PDB file of N, CA and C in Angstrom:
ATOM      1  N   MET A   1      -2.533  27.880   5.068  1.00  0.00           N
ATOM      2  CA  MET A   1      -2.192  27.496   4.200  1.00  0.00           C
ATOM      3  C   MET A   1      -1.930  26.003   4.215  1.00  0.00           C
ATOM      4  N   SER A   2      -1.137  25.481   2.583  1.00  0.00           N
ATOM      5  CA  SER A   2      -1.362  24.144   2.624  1.00  0.00           C
ATOM      6  C   SER A   2      -0.486  23.029   3.300  1.00  0.00           C
ATOM      7  N   THR A   3      -1.009  22.001   3.423  1.00  0.00           N
ATOM      8  CA  THR A   3      -0.530  20.625   4.094  1.00  0.00           C
ATOM      9  C   THR A   3       0.015  19.793   3.511  1.00  0.00           C
ATOM     10  N   LEU A   4       1.288  19.598   3.764  1.00  0.00           N
ATOM     11  CA  LEU A   4       1.950  18.242   3.163  1.00  0.00           C
ATOM     12  C   LEU A   4       1.312  17.145   3.734  1.00  0.00           C
ATOM     13  N   ILE A   5       1.137  15.883   3.098  1.00  0.00           N
ATOM     14  CA  ILE A   5       0.650  14.703   3.732  1.00  0.00           C
ATOM     15  C   ILE A   5       1.812  13.638   2.804  1.00  0.00           C
ATOM     16  N   LYS A   6       2.491  13.336   3.784  1.00  0.00           N
ATOM     17  CA  LYS A   6       3.565  12.066   3.020  1.00  0.00           C
ATOM     18  C   LYS A   6       2.742  10.937   3.132  1.00  0.00           C
ATOM     19  N   SER A   7       3.284  10.221   1.834  1.00  0.00           N
ATOM     20  CA  SER A   7       2.759   8.590   1.909  1.00  0.00           C
ATOM     21  C   SER A   7       3.304   7.928   3.547  1.00  0.00           C
ATOM     22  N   SER A   8       4.046   7.888   3.966  1.00  0.00           N
ATOM     23  CA  SER A   8       4.160   7.312   4.965  1.00  0.00           C
ATOM     24  C   SER A   8       3.048   8.162   6.069  1.00  0.00           C
ATOM     25  N   GLY A   9       2.510   8.904   5.951  1.00  0.00           N
ATOM     26  CA  GLY A   9       1.378   9.277   6.720  1.00  0.00           C
ATOM     27  C   GLY A   9       1.125  10.602   7.538  1.00  0.00           C
ATOM     28  N   GLN A  10       3.004  10.802   7.876  1.00  0.00           N
ATOM     29  CA  GLN A  10       2.979  12.247   7.901  1.00  0.00           C
ATOM     30  C   GLN A  10       2.659  13.457   7.707  1.00  0.00           C
ATOM     31  N   HIS A  11       1.977  14.677   8.394  1.00  0.00           N
ATOM     32  CA  HIS A  11       1.311  16.090   8.137  1.00  0.00           C
ATOM     33  C   HIS A  11       2.559  17.124   8.141  1.00  0.00           C
ATOM     34  N   ILE A  12       2.644  17.925   7.207  1.00  0.00           N
ATOM     35  CA  ILE A  12       3.200  18.925   7.763  1.00  0.00           C
ATOM     36  C   ILE A  12       2.565  20.510   7.254  1.00  0.00           C
ATOM     37  N   ASP A  13       1.965  20.614   8.329  1.00  0.00           N
ATOM     38  CA  ASP A  13       0.893  21.952   8.055  1.00  0.00           C
ATOM     39  C   ASP A  13       1.592  23.197   7.917  1.00  0.00           C
ATOM     40  N   ASP A  14       0.978  24.453   7.219  1.00  0.00           N
ATOM     41  CA  ASP A  14       1.548  24.826   6.632  1.00  0.00           C
ATOM     42  C   ASP A  14       2.878  25.271   5.994  1.00  0.00           C
ATOM     43  N   TYR A  15       2.768  23.835   4.764  1.00  0.00           N
ATOM     44  CA  TYR A  15       3.660  23.922   4.313  1.00  0.00           C
ATOM     45  C   TYR A  15       4.493  25.049   3.039  1.00  0.00           C
ATOM     46  N   PRO A  16       5.679  25.600   3.173  1.00  0.00           N
ATOM     47  CA  PRO A  16       5.454  26.557   2.070  1.00  0.00           C
ATOM     48  C   PRO A  16       5.441  26.147   0.547  1.00  0.00           C
ATOM     49  N   SER A  17       4.970  26.924   0.244  1.00  0.00           N
ATOM     50  CA  SER A  17       4.404  26.374  -1.187  1.00  0.00           C
ATOM     51  C   SER A  17       4.180  27.346  -2.395  1.00  0.00           C
ATOM     52  N   ALA A  18       4.382  28.402  -2.252  1.00  0.00           N
ATOM     53  CA  ALA A  18       4.157  29.371  -2.998  1.00  0.00           C
ATOM     54  C   ALA A  18       4.809  29.767  -4.515  1.00  0.00           C
ATOM     55  N   THR A  19       6.219  28.716  -4.391  1.00  0.00           N
ATOM     56  CA  THR A  19       6.399  28.654  -5.517  1.00  0.00           C
ATOM     57  C   THR A  19       6.680  27.366  -6.506  1.00  0.00           C
ATOM     58  N   LEU A  20       6.668  27.189  -7.838  1.00  0.00           N
ATOM     59  CA  LEU A  20       6.724  26.060  -8.157  1.00  0.00           C
ATOM     60  C   LEU A  20       8.221  24.994  -7.911  1.00  0.00           C
ATOM     61  N   GLU A  21       9.218  25.960  -7.806  1.00  0.00           N
ATOM     62  CA  GLU A  21      10.264  24.702  -7.375  1.00  0.00           C
ATOM     63  C   GLU A  21       9.754  24.597  -5.683  1.00  0.00           C
ATOM     64  N   GLN A  22       9.496  25.460  -5.009  1.00  0.00           N
ATOM     65  CA  GLN A  22       8.848  24.614  -3.764  1.00  0.00           C
ATOM     66  C   GLN A  22       7.960  23.476  -3.520  1.00  0.00           C
ATOM     67  N   MET A  23       6.907  23.291  -4.810  1.00  0.00           N
ATOM     68  CA  MET A  23       5.985  22.199  -4.810  1.00  0.00           C
ATOM     69  C   MET A  23       6.334  21.128  -5.401  1.00  0.00           C
ATOM     70  N   GLN A  24       7.570  21.511  -6.676  1.00  0.00           N
ATOM     71  CA  GLN A  24       8.202  20.025  -7.307  1.00  0.00           C
ATOM     72  C   GLN A  24       9.228  19.578  -5.852  1.00  0.00           C
ATOM     73  N   LYS A  25       9.997  20.444  -5.575  1.00  0.00           N
ATOM     74  CA  LYS A  25      10.917  19.669  -4.114  1.00  0.00           C
ATOM     75  C   LYS A  25       9.945  19.034  -3.298  1.00  0.00           C
ATOM     76  N   ALA A  26       8.968  19.237  -3.167  1.00  0.00           N
ATOM     77  CA  ALA A  26       8.375  18.822  -1.917  1.00  0.00           C
ATOM     78  C   ALA A  26       7.422  17.521  -2.372  1.00  0.00           C
ATOM     79  N   VAL A  27       7.353  17.428  -3.657  1.00  0.00           N
ATOM     80  CA  VAL A  27       6.218  16.261  -4.227  1.00  0.00           C
ATOM     81  C   VAL A  27       7.615  15.483  -5.120  1.00  0.00           C
ATOM     82  N   GLY A  28       8.925  15.490  -5.104  1.00  0.00           N
ATOM     83  CA  GLY A  28       9.839  15.037  -5.853  1.00  0.00           C
ATOM     84  C   GLY A  28      10.033  14.944  -7.325  1.00  0.00           C
ATOM     85  N   GLY A  29       9.173  15.849  -7.863  1.00  0.00           N
ATOM     86  CA  GLY A  29       9.629  15.983  -9.471  1.00  0.00           C
ATOM     87  C   GLY A  29       8.037  16.933  -9.987  1.00  0.00           C
ATOM     88  N   TYR A  30       8.096  16.642 -11.456  1.00  0.00           N
ATOM     89  CA  TYR A  30       6.818  17.764 -12.228  1.00  0.00           C
ATOM     90  C   TYR A  30       5.426  17.393 -11.019  1.00  0.00           C
ATOM     91  N   ILE A  31       5.062  18.675 -11.082  1.00  0.00           N
ATOM     92  CA  ILE A  31       3.838  18.687 -10.376  1.00  0.00           C
ATOM     93  C   ILE A  31       2.623  18.483 -11.068  1.00  0.00           C
ATOM     94  N   GLU A  32       1.367  17.916 -10.565  1.00  0.00           N
ATOM     95  CA  GLU A  32       0.485  17.541 -11.352  1.00  0.00           C
ATOM     96  C   GLU A  32      -0.396  17.980 -10.249  1.00  0.00           C
ATOM     97  N   PRO A  33      -1.512  18.569 -10.527  1.00  0.00           N
ATOM     98  CA  PRO A  33      -2.915  19.196  -9.623  1.00  0.00           C
ATOM     99  C   PRO A  33      -3.936  18.357  -9.924  1.00  0.00           C
ATOM    100  N   VAL A  34      -4.597  17.438  -8.797  1.00  0.00           N
ATOM    101  CA  VAL A  34      -5.815  16.803  -9.039  1.00  0.00           C
ATOM    102  C   VAL A  34      -6.972  17.499  -8.255  1.00  0.00           C
ATOM    103  N   TYR A  35      -8.067  17.703  -8.737  1.00  0.00           N
ATOM    104  CA  TYR A  35      -9.189  18.572  -8.846  1.00  0.00           C
ATOM    105  C   TYR A  35      -9.753  18.065  -8.067  1.00  0.00           C
ATOM    106  N   THR A  36     -10.704  18.193  -6.962  1.00  0.00           N
ATOM    107  CA  THR A  36     -11.924  17.752  -6.191  1.00  0.00           C
ATOM    108  C   THR A  36     -13.154  18.422  -6.142  1.00  0.00           C
ATOM    109  N   SER A  37     -13.866  18.682  -5.761  1.00  0.00           N
ATOM    110  CA  SER A  37     -15.259  19.310  -5.112  1.00  0.00           C
ATOM    111  C   SER A  37     -14.593  20.279  -4.364  1.00  0.00           C
ATOM    112  N   ASP A  38     -13.807  20.101  -3.265  1.00  0.00           N
ATOM    113  CA  ASP A  38     -13.103  21.131  -2.030  1.00  0.00           C
ATOM    114  C   ASP A  38     -11.998  20.234  -1.629  1.00  0.00           C
ATOM    115  N   LYS A  39     -10.793  20.396  -2.883  1.00  0.00           N
ATOM    116  CA  LYS A  39      -9.591  20.146  -2.133  1.00  0.00           C
ATOM    117  C   LYS A  39      -8.951  20.546  -3.633  1.00  0.00           C
ATOM    118  N   VAL A  40      -7.665  21.098  -3.643  1.00  0.00           N
ATOM    119  CA  VAL A  40      -6.617  21.045  -4.960  1.00  0.00           C
ATOM    120  C   VAL A  40      -5.454  20.019  -4.116  1.00  0.00           C
ATOM    121  N   VAL A  41      -5.119  18.820  -5.107  1.00  0.00           N
ATOM    122  CA  VAL A  41      -4.134  18.321  -4.298  1.00  0.00           C
ATOM    123  C   VAL A  41      -3.008  17.955  -5.568  1.00  0.00           C
ATOM    124  N   VAL A  42      -1.806  18.366  -5.362  1.00  0.00           N
ATOM    125  CA  VAL A  42      -0.691  18.642  -6.154  1.00  0.00           C
ATOM    126  C   VAL A  42       0.244  17.101  -5.601  1.00  0.00           C
ATOM    127  N   VAL A  43       0.643  16.870  -6.681  1.00  0.00           N
ATOM    128  CA  VAL A  43       1.032  15.661  -6.867  1.00  0.00           C
ATOM    129  C   VAL A  43       2.609  15.366  -7.573  1.00  0.00           C
ATOM    130  N   ASP A  44       3.243  14.426  -7.674  1.00  0.00           N
ATOM    131  CA  ASP A  44       4.114  14.394  -8.461  1.00  0.00           C
ATOM    132  C   ASP A  44       3.496  13.465  -9.972  1.00  0.00           C
ATOM    133  N   GLU A  45       3.675  14.097 -11.254  1.00  0.00           N
ATOM    134  CA  GLU A  45       3.180  14.152 -12.376  1.00  0.00           C
ATOM    135  C   GLU A  45       3.934  12.276 -12.714  1.00  0.00           C
ATOM    136  N   GLU A  46       4.849  12.123 -12.365  1.00  0.00           N
ATOM    137  CA  GLU A  46       5.788  10.687 -12.758  1.00  0.00           C
ATOM    138  C   GLU A  46       5.600   9.863 -11.442  1.00  0.00           C
ATOM    139  N   GLY A  47       4.927   9.976 -10.664  1.00  0.00           N
ATOM    140  CA  GLY A  47       4.500   8.945  -9.631  1.00  0.00           C
ATOM    141  C   GLY A  47       4.647   7.908  -9.448  1.00  0.00           C
ATOM    142  N   LEU A  48       3.737   7.405 -10.594  1.00  0.00           N
ATOM    143  CA  LEU A  48       3.542   5.945 -10.990  1.00  0.00           C
ATOM    144  C   LEU A  48       4.456   5.670 -11.745  1.00  0.00           C
ATOM    145  N   LEU A  49       5.313   6.019 -12.668  1.00  0.00           N
ATOM    146  CA  LEU A  49       6.516   5.817 -13.743  1.00  0.00           C
ATOM    147  C   LEU A  49       7.574   5.662 -12.425  1.00  0.00           C
ATOM    148  N   LYS A  50       8.095   6.250 -11.295  1.00  0.00           N
ATOM    149  CA  LYS A  50       8.913   6.198 -10.650  1.00  0.00           C
ATOM    150  C   LYS A  50       8.393   4.985  -9.249  1.00  0.00           C
ATOM    151  N   ASN A  51       7.277   4.917  -9.385  1.00  0.00           N
ATOM    152  CA  ASN A  51       7.223   3.127  -8.658  1.00  0.00           C
ATOM    153  C   ASN A  51       7.327   3.979  -6.999  1.00  0.00           C
ATOM    154  N   LEU A  52       6.489   5.310  -7.046  1.00  0.00           N
ATOM    155  CA  LEU A  52       6.202   5.832  -5.516  1.00  0.00           C
ATOM    156  C   LEU A  52       5.179   5.161  -4.824  1.00  0.00           C
ATOM    157  N   PRO A  53       5.433   5.062  -3.426  1.00  0.00           N
ATOM    158  CA  PRO A  53       4.616   3.967  -2.264  1.00  0.00           C
ATOM    159  C   PRO A  53       3.251   5.136  -2.664  1.00  0.00           C
ATOM    160  N   LEU A  54       2.285   3.809  -2.562  1.00  0.00           N
ATOM    161  CA  LEU A  54       0.838   4.320  -2.102  1.00  0.00           C
ATOM    162  C   LEU A  54       0.759   5.597  -0.968  1.00  0.00           C
ATOM    163  N   ASN A  55      -0.187   6.383  -1.290  1.00  0.00           N
ATOM    164  CA  ASN A  55      -0.517   7.254  -0.417  1.00  0.00           C
ATOM    165  C   ASN A  55      -2.123   7.158   0.383  1.00  0.00           C
ATOM    166  N   ILE A  56      -2.292   6.309   0.956  1.00  0.00           N
ATOM    167  CA  ILE A  56      -3.317   6.037   1.222  1.00  0.00           C
ATOM    168  C   ILE A  56      -4.796   7.410   2.017  1.00  0.00           C
ATOM    169  N   GLU A  57      -3.818   7.889   2.977  1.00  0.00           N
ATOM    170  CA  GLU A  57      -4.517   8.930   3.516  1.00  0.00           C
ATOM    171  C   GLU A  57      -5.502  10.203   1.999  1.00  0.00           C
ATOM    172  N   VAL A  58      -4.395  10.241   1.398  1.00  0.00           N
ATOM    173  CA  VAL A  58      -4.677  11.026  -0.029  1.00  0.00           C
ATOM    174  C   VAL A  58      -5.372  10.382  -0.818  1.00  0.00           C
ATOM    175  N   SER A  59      -5.070   8.907  -1.239  1.00  0.00           N
ATOM    176  CA  SER A  59      -6.106   8.693  -2.311  1.00  0.00           C
ATOM    177  C   SER A  59      -7.666   8.294  -1.673  1.00  0.00           C
ATOM    178  N   ALA A  60      -7.353   8.283  -0.508  1.00  0.00           N
ATOM    179  CA  ALA A  60      -9.321   8.156   0.453  1.00  0.00           C
ATOM    180  C   ALA A  60      -9.661   9.331   0.369  1.00  0.00           C
ATOM    181  N   MET A  61      -9.294  10.487   0.121  1.00  0.00           N
ATOM    182  CA  MET A  61      -9.225  11.852  -0.256  1.00  0.00           C
ATOM    183  C   MET A  61      -9.858  11.921  -0.928  1.00  0.00           C
ATOM    184  N   VAL A  62      -9.042  12.002  -2.255  1.00  0.00           N
ATOM    185  CA  VAL A  62      -9.823  12.145  -3.295  1.00  0.00           C
ATOM    186  C   VAL A  62     -10.198  11.412  -4.688  1.00  0.00           C
ATOM    187  N   GLY A  63     -10.431  10.086  -3.928  1.00  0.00           N
ATOM    188  CA  GLY A  63     -11.418   9.143  -4.725  1.00  0.00           C
ATOM    189  C   GLY A  63     -10.578   8.058  -5.437  1.00  0.00           C
ATOM    190  N   LYS A  64      -9.350   8.487  -5.781  1.00  0.00           N
ATOM    191  CA  LYS A  64      -8.269   7.747  -6.521  1.00  0.00           C
ATOM    192  C   LYS A  64      -7.159   7.380  -6.549  1.00  0.00           C
ATOM    193  N   MET A  65      -6.595   6.512  -7.054  1.00  0.00           N
ATOM    194  CA  MET A  65      -5.040   6.314  -6.062  1.00  0.00           C
ATOM    195  C   MET A  65      -3.948   7.538  -6.706  1.00  0.00           C
ATOM    196  N   ILE A  66      -3.055   7.353  -5.424  1.00  0.00           N
ATOM    197  CA  ILE A  66      -2.480   9.153  -5.084  1.00  0.00           C
ATOM    198  C   ILE A  66      -1.353   8.137  -5.004  1.00  0.00           C
ATOM    199  N   VAL A  67       0.153   8.452  -5.252  1.00  0.00           N
ATOM    200  CA  VAL A  67       1.072   7.845  -5.057  1.00  0.00           C
ATOM    201  C   VAL A  67       2.227   9.224  -4.728  1.00  0.00           C
ATOM    202  N   GLY A  68       2.865   8.501  -3.627  1.00  0.00           N
ATOM    203  CA  GLY A  68       4.103   9.580  -3.575  1.00  0.00           C
ATOM    204  C   GLY A  68       3.284  10.441  -2.322  1.00  0.00           C
ATOM    205  N   ASP A  69       4.461  11.454  -1.804  1.00  0.00           N
ATOM    206  CA  ASP A  69       3.813  12.717  -0.987  1.00  0.00           C
ATOM    207  C   ASP A  69       3.139  13.920  -2.084  1.00  0.00           C
ATOM    208  N   ALA A  70       2.192  14.278  -1.246  1.00  0.00           N
ATOM    209  CA  ALA A  70       1.300  15.804  -1.889  1.00  0.00           C
ATOM    210  C   ALA A  70       0.968  16.945  -1.179  1.00  0.00           C
ATOM    211  N   ILE A  71       0.390  17.905  -1.870  1.00  0.00           N
ATOM    212  CA  ILE A  71       0.620  19.113  -1.046  1.00  0.00           C
ATOM    213  C   ILE A  71      -0.846  19.349  -1.329  1.00  0.00           C
ATOM    214  N   VAL A  72      -1.866  19.476  -0.105  1.00  0.00           N
ATOM    215  CA  VAL A  72      -3.382  19.543  -0.191  1.00  0.00           C
ATOM    216  C   VAL A  72      -3.856  21.050   0.036  1.00  0.00           C
ATOM    217  N   PHE A  73      -4.392  21.552  -1.087  1.00  0.00           N
ATOM    218  CA  PHE A  73      -4.516  22.937  -0.828  1.00  0.00           C
ATOM    219  C   PHE A  73      -6.334  23.182  -1.003  1.00  0.00           C
ATOM    220  N   THR A  74      -7.180  23.979   0.064  1.00  0.00           N
ATOM    221  CA  THR A  74      -8.206  24.371  -0.421  1.00  0.00           C
ATOM    222  C   THR A  74      -8.526  25.266  -1.804  1.00  0.00           C
ATOM    223  N   PRO A  75      -9.752  24.918  -2.488  1.00  0.00           N
ATOM    224  CA  PRO A  75      -9.552  25.824  -3.815  1.00  0.00           C
ATOM    225  C   PRO A  75      -8.994  27.214  -3.419  1.00  0.00           C
ATOM    226  N   LYS A  76      -9.423  27.889  -2.494  1.00  0.00           N
ATOM    227  CA  LYS A  76      -9.395  29.446  -2.131  1.00  0.00           C
ATOM    228  C   LYS A  76      -7.888  29.641  -2.051  1.00  0.00           C
ATOM    229  N   GLU A  77      -6.613  28.342  -1.073  1.00  0.00           N
ATOM    230  CA  GLU A  77      -5.572  28.938  -1.004  1.00  0.00           C
ATOM    231  C   GLU A  77      -4.899  28.547  -2.867  1.00  0.00           C
ATOM    232  N   TRP A  78      -5.054  27.393  -3.311  1.00  0.00           N
ATOM    233  CA  TRP A  78      -4.767  27.139  -4.853  1.00  0.00           C
ATOM    234  C   TRP A  78      -5.168  28.222  -5.619  1.00  0.00           C
ATOM    235  N   ARG A  79      -5.933  29.266  -5.902  1.00  0.00           N
ATOM    236  CA  ARG A  79      -6.375  30.368  -6.654  1.00  0.00           C
ATOM    237  C   ARG A  79      -5.685  31.304  -6.083  1.00  0.00           C
ATOM    238  N   ASP A  80      -5.404  31.750  -4.641  1.00  0.00           N
ATOM    239  CA  ASP A  80      -4.855  32.768  -3.938  1.00  0.00           C
ATOM    240  C   ASP A  80      -3.445  32.465  -4.477  1.00  0.00           C
ATOM    241  N   ARG A  81      -2.662  31.714  -4.383  1.00  0.00           N
ATOM    242  CA  ARG A  81      -1.034  31.454  -4.840  1.00  0.00           C
ATOM    243  C   ARG A  81      -0.898  31.599  -6.309  1.00  0.00           C
ATOM    244  N   ASN A  82      -2.186  31.159  -7.028  1.00  0.00           N
ATOM    245  CA  ASN A  82      -1.308  31.173  -8.449  1.00  0.00           C
ATOM    246  C   ASN A  82      -1.975  32.873  -9.241  1.00  0.00           C
TER     247      ASN A  82
END
């Protein structure tokens, strides 16, 4: 299952993210998927506008600046839930 990685560095494995509402609650707003070759990361679409804190771990993982809490899926997990 997915992993919620908070901007504080805390990991919550097997995070419930089967519904849009669960994902929105986790990231704190409208969701936006960020695709890499081996991950799909769901972030708050308005995270920069909300001035959310930098998520250092997820930013390093995807190679671009990510702010706020993020849910990390494998591509298979993402496909299977949609």
